[in-house]
């Protein structure tokens, strides 16, 4: 079966995400694994690894766009597709190029564990 029949997932670029974050109109969820997060991540992102992703764990977004992000945009597209087409979510976007595109564009990334971030 071809993916050609799979409905498209809305994508945004890193500049759009930066503008949305600046305006306070987006929530970012990183679906990479813990080790990837520790290496570098978007400061505004919430980590919900794809390996044990459950929609109930999504952060409150109160009308904000939900942007799903991974390393390069492949895993996040799969999670966004699930949220849109199986779970019925609206306002969900995939970050084209993932954190690689974000970093390559010169936007801030951080490193460290979740515990270090909370301290």
Protein backbone atom coordinates (compact mmCIF):
# COMPACT_ATOMS: atom_id res chain seq x y z
CA UNK A 1 0.00 0.00 0.00
CA UNK A 2 1.37 3.39 -0.99
CA UNK A 3 1.64 6.42 1.29
CA UNK A 4 0.42 8.52 -1.65
CA UNK A 5 -3.15 8.05 -0.41
CA UNK A 6 -2.30 9.16 3.14
CA UNK A 7 -3.68 12.64 3.83
CA UNK A 8 -1.08 15.36 4.07
CA UNK A 9 -0.09 16.78 7.43
CA UNK A 10 0.17 20.58 7.63
CA UNK A 11 3.81 21.66 7.94
CA UNK A 12 5.40 24.88 9.07
CA UNK A 13 8.98 26.06 8.73
CA UNK A 14 11.27 27.13 11.55
CA UNK A 15 10.72 30.84 10.91
CA UNK A 16 6.96 30.42 11.28
CA UNK A 17 7.47 28.48 14.50
CA UNK A 18 9.79 31.18 15.86
CA UNK A 19 7.15 33.82 15.10
CA UNK A 20 4.39 31.74 16.71
CA UNK A 21 6.51 31.17 19.83
CA UNK A 22 7.33 34.87 20.03
CA UNK A 23 3.60 35.65 19.79
CA UNK A 24 2.72 32.94 22.33
CA UNK A 25 0.43 31.15 19.90
CA UNK A 26 2.09 27.71 19.76
CA UNK A 27 2.95 24.75 21.96
CA UNK A 28 5.84 22.52 20.83
CA UNK A 29 6.07 18.79 21.54
CA UNK A 30 9.35 16.98 20.85
CA UNK A 31 8.77 13.28 20.07
CA UNK A 32 12.43 12.23 20.07
CA UNK A 33 13.86 9.98 22.76
CA UNK A 34 15.45 11.07 26.07
CA UNK A 35 19.04 10.74 24.83
CA UNK A 36 18.31 12.92 21.80
CA UNK A 37 16.63 15.54 24.00
CA UNK A 38 19.63 15.66 26.33
CA UNK A 39 21.96 16.38 23.39
CA UNK A 40 19.93 19.43 22.27
CA UNK A 41 16.36 20.61 22.19
CA UNK A 42 14.18 23.67 21.63
CA UNK A 43 13.91 25.67 24.87
CA UNK A 44 10.11 25.88 24.56
CA UNK A 45 9.52 22.19 23.78
CA UNK A 46 7.88 19.53 25.94
CA UNK A 47 9.36 16.04 25.59
CA UNK A 48 6.88 13.21 24.85
CA UNK A 49 8.92 10.41 23.21
CA UNK A 50 7.25 8.67 20.28
CA UNK A 51 8.12 5.28 21.80
CA UNK A 52 5.50 5.77 24.53
CA UNK A 53 3.46 8.66 23.13
CA UNK A 54 -0.09 9.02 24.42
CA UNK A 55 -2.29 11.96 23.37
CA UNK A 56 -3.55 12.29 26.97
CA UNK A 57 -0.04 13.46 27.97
CA UNK A 58 -0.08 16.49 25.67
CA UNK A 59 0.38 19.82 27.43
CA UNK A 60 -2.57 22.18 27.75
CA UNK A 61 -2.69 24.39 24.68
CA UNK A 62 -5.80 26.53 25.19
CA UNK A 63 -6.44 27.33 21.54
CA UNK A 64 -2.77 27.48 20.56
CA UNK A 65 -1.31 25.63 17.58
CA UNK A 66 0.27 22.29 18.47
CA UNK A 67 3.60 21.84 16.68
CA UNK A 68 5.11 18.35 16.70
CA UNK A 69 8.87 18.19 16.24
CA UNK A 70 11.59 15.55 16.00
CA UNK A 71 15.11 15.36 14.56
CA UNK A 72 14.30 15.86 10.89
CA UNK A 73 10.50 15.83 10.58
CA UNK A 74 9.77 12.17 9.83
CA UNK A 75 8.70 10.87 13.24
CA UNK A 76 6.88 14.09 14.05
CA UNK A 77 4.92 13.83 10.80
CA UNK A 78 3.79 10.33 11.83
CA UNK A 79 2.68 11.56 15.27
CA UNK A 80 0.92 14.60 13.76
CA UNK A 81 -0.85 12.34 11.25
CA UNK A 82 -2.05 10.13 14.10
CA UNK A 83 -3.32 13.11 16.10
CA UNK A 84 -5.16 14.59 13.13
CA UNK A 85 -6.55 11.51 11.42
CA UNK A 86 -7.00 8.95 14.21
CA UNK A 87 -7.54 11.17 17.24
CA UNK A 88 -9.44 14.01 15.53
CA UNK A 89 -7.21 16.86 16.68
CA UNK A 90 -7.27 20.22 14.87
CA UNK A 91 -4.53 22.86 14.76
CA UNK A 92 -1.70 20.32 14.61
CA UNK A 93 1.43 21.00 12.55
CA UNK A 94 4.66 19.19 11.75
CA UNK A 95 7.91 21.17 11.97
CA UNK A 96 9.52 20.72 8.55
CA UNK A 97 13.15 19.70 8.93
CA UNK A 98 12.80 19.21 12.68
CA UNK A 99 15.35 20.42 15.18
CA UNK A 100 18.09 20.12 12.58
CA UNK A 101 16.45 22.88 10.52
CA UNK A 102 15.84 24.91 13.69
CA UNK A 103 19.50 24.69 14.71
CA UNK A 104 20.77 25.27 11.15
CA UNK A 105 18.71 28.48 10.98
CA UNK A 106 20.58 29.75 14.04
CA UNK A 107 17.77 29.50 16.58
CA UNK A 108 18.54 28.70 20.21
CA UNK A 109 18.92 25.10 21.37
CA UNK A 110 19.69 23.83 24.84
CA UNK A 111 21.22 20.65 26.21
CA UNK A 112 20.74 18.77 29.45
CA UNK A 113 18.30 16.43 31.13
CA UNK A 114 14.72 17.22 32.08
CA UNK A 115 15.79 17.22 35.72
CA UNK A 116 18.43 19.88 34.99
CA UNK A 117 15.85 21.96 33.11
CA UNK A 118 13.46 21.89 36.07
CA UNK A 119 16.12 22.95 38.60
